[in-house]
Protein backbone atom coordinates (compact mmCIF):
# COMPACT_ATOMS: atom_id res chain seq x y z
CA MET A 1 -5.67 27.16 -40.84
CA ASP A 2 -8.07 24.82 -39.08
CA LYS A 3 -7.66 24.98 -35.26
CA LEU A 4 -8.27 21.22 -34.85
CA ALA A 5 -5.68 20.43 -37.52
CA GLN A 6 -3.16 22.60 -35.66
CA ARG A 7 -3.88 20.90 -32.33
CA LEU A 8 -3.73 17.44 -33.94
CA GLY A 9 -0.45 18.32 -35.63
CA ALA A 10 1.03 19.60 -32.38
CA ARG A 11 -0.06 16.40 -30.63
CA ILE A 12 1.46 14.19 -33.35
CA LYS A 13 4.71 16.14 -32.96
CA GLN A 14 4.56 15.81 -29.16
CA ILE A 15 4.05 12.04 -29.40
CA ARG A 16 6.83 11.69 -31.98
CA LYS A 17 9.26 13.70 -29.85
CA THR A 18 8.29 11.86 -26.67
CA ALA A 19 9.03 8.62 -28.53
CA LYS A 20 12.38 10.21 -29.47
CA ILE A 21 11.79 9.66 -33.18
CA THR A 22 12.81 12.16 -35.86
CA GLN A 23 10.51 13.14 -38.69
CA GLU A 24 12.85 11.23 -40.99
CA LYS A 25 12.60 8.04 -38.94
CA LEU A 26 8.80 8.34 -38.69
CA ALA A 27 8.64 8.87 -42.45
CA GLU A 28 10.68 5.71 -42.94
CA LYS A 29 8.49 3.69 -40.54
CA THR A 30 5.21 4.90 -42.08
CA GLU A 31 6.30 5.13 -45.72
CA LEU A 32 5.17 8.77 -45.73
CA SER A 33 7.35 11.66 -46.86
CA VAL A 34 9.17 13.88 -44.39
CA GLU A 35 7.48 16.85 -46.06
CA TYR A 36 4.03 15.37 -45.44
CA ILE A 37 4.82 14.66 -41.78
CA SER A 38 6.07 18.23 -41.43
CA ARG A 39 2.82 19.55 -42.96
CA LEU A 40 0.78 17.35 -40.59
CA GLU A 41 2.69 18.58 -37.55
CA ARG A 42 2.19 22.21 -38.59
CA GLY A 43 -1.53 21.64 -39.17
CA VAL A 44 -1.25 22.48 -42.87
CA SER A 45 -2.39 19.01 -43.97
CA GLN A 46 -4.98 16.74 -42.39
CA PRO A 47 -4.37 12.98 -42.18
CA SER A 48 -6.81 10.29 -43.24
CA PHE A 49 -7.96 7.67 -40.75
CA LYS A 50 -5.69 5.18 -42.51
CA THR A 51 -2.69 7.49 -42.04
CA LEU A 52 -3.56 8.04 -38.36
CA SER A 53 -3.88 4.29 -37.89
CA ILE A 54 -0.46 3.62 -39.45
CA MET A 55 1.17 6.42 -37.45
CA ALA A 56 -0.40 5.21 -34.20
CA GLU A 57 0.82 1.67 -34.83
CA ARG A 58 4.37 2.80 -35.64
CA LEU A 59 4.46 5.15 -32.62
CA ASN A 60 3.01 2.46 -30.30
CA VAL A 61 -0.01 4.52 -29.21
CA ASP A 62 -3.77 4.25 -29.71
CA ILE A 63 -5.37 6.50 -32.32
CA LYS A 64 -7.37 8.18 -29.54
CA ASP A 65 -4.08 9.39 -28.04
CA PHE A 66 -3.72 11.80 -30.96
CA PHE A 67 -6.86 13.56 -29.75
CA ASP A 68 -6.21 13.50 -25.97
CA PHE A 69 -4.62 16.93 -26.14
CA ASN A 70 -4.26 17.55 -22.39
CA VAL A 71 -2.92 14.25 -21.10
CA PRO A 72 0.56 12.73 -21.12
CA VAL A 73 1.41 10.31 -23.89
CA LEU A 74 0.99 6.68 -22.82
CA PHE A 75 2.82 4.14 -24.94
CA LYS A 76 1.72 0.54 -25.43
CA ASP A 77 5.34 -0.58 -25.64
CA LYS A 78 6.75 -1.36 -22.17
CA LYS A 79 10.29 -0.22 -23.07
CA GLN A 80 9.03 3.19 -24.16
CA GLU A 81 6.79 3.37 -21.11
CA GLU A 82 9.80 2.70 -18.84
CA LYS A 83 11.83 5.43 -20.60
CA GLN A 84 8.92 7.81 -20.20
CA LYS A 85 8.54 6.91 -16.53
CA LYS A 86 12.26 7.55 -15.96
CA GLY A 87 11.91 10.90 -17.75
CA TYR A 88 9.06 11.98 -15.48
CA ILE A 89 10.92 10.84 -12.35
CA ASP A 90 14.05 12.73 -13.44
CA ALA A 91 12.05 15.88 -14.21
CA ILE A 92 10.19 15.71 -10.90
CA SER A 93 13.40 15.05 -9.01
CA HIS A 94 15.02 18.08 -10.64
CA ASP A 95 12.07 20.29 -9.70
CA LEU A 96 12.01 18.99 -6.13
CA LYS A 97 15.61 20.07 -5.56
CA GLU A 98 14.55 23.69 -6.07
CA MET A 99 11.68 23.61 -3.52
CA GLU A 100 11.50 24.81 0.05
CA VAL A 101 10.71 22.36 2.86
CA HIS A 102 7.07 23.48 3.17
CA GLU A 103 6.60 22.94 -0.60
CA LEU A 104 8.16 19.48 -0.36
CA MET A 105 5.76 18.59 2.46
CA ALA A 106 2.81 19.62 0.29
CA VAL A 107 4.10 17.54 -2.65
CA TYR A 108 4.64 14.57 -0.34
CA ASN A 109 1.09 14.84 1.00
CA VAL A 110 -0.34 14.98 -2.52
CA ILE A 111 1.65 11.91 -3.58
CA LYS A 112 0.59 10.01 -0.47
CA GLY A 113 -3.03 10.94 -1.14
CA LEU A 114 -2.76 9.68 -4.72
CA THR A 115 -1.08 6.40 -3.80
CA GLU A 116 -3.14 5.42 -0.76
CA ARG A 117 -5.70 2.78 -1.54
């Protein structure tokens, strides 16, 4: 199997799951078969540019987001972006509860450094 096809498939799956859409729902929105979406996500099949364009539009992302393998998914849709933001805040909050005071101070300093303008 092609390594790029596997990475692209994994990224499509990540974006779909982050958008909280099943393969069935994505198939319905894109007029593709569930089997084809499954093959794409496993890296068995490779999508055309037209297919990527349709999938990006239906998932509310840019096509380039399918190839940004190491960055979080950023949605164009504000509702999805707010859900994603809440998800990150909840995950961070959960992790913070497990930290020692010195670790929390370090996290606080990093956040302050990132938000200071």
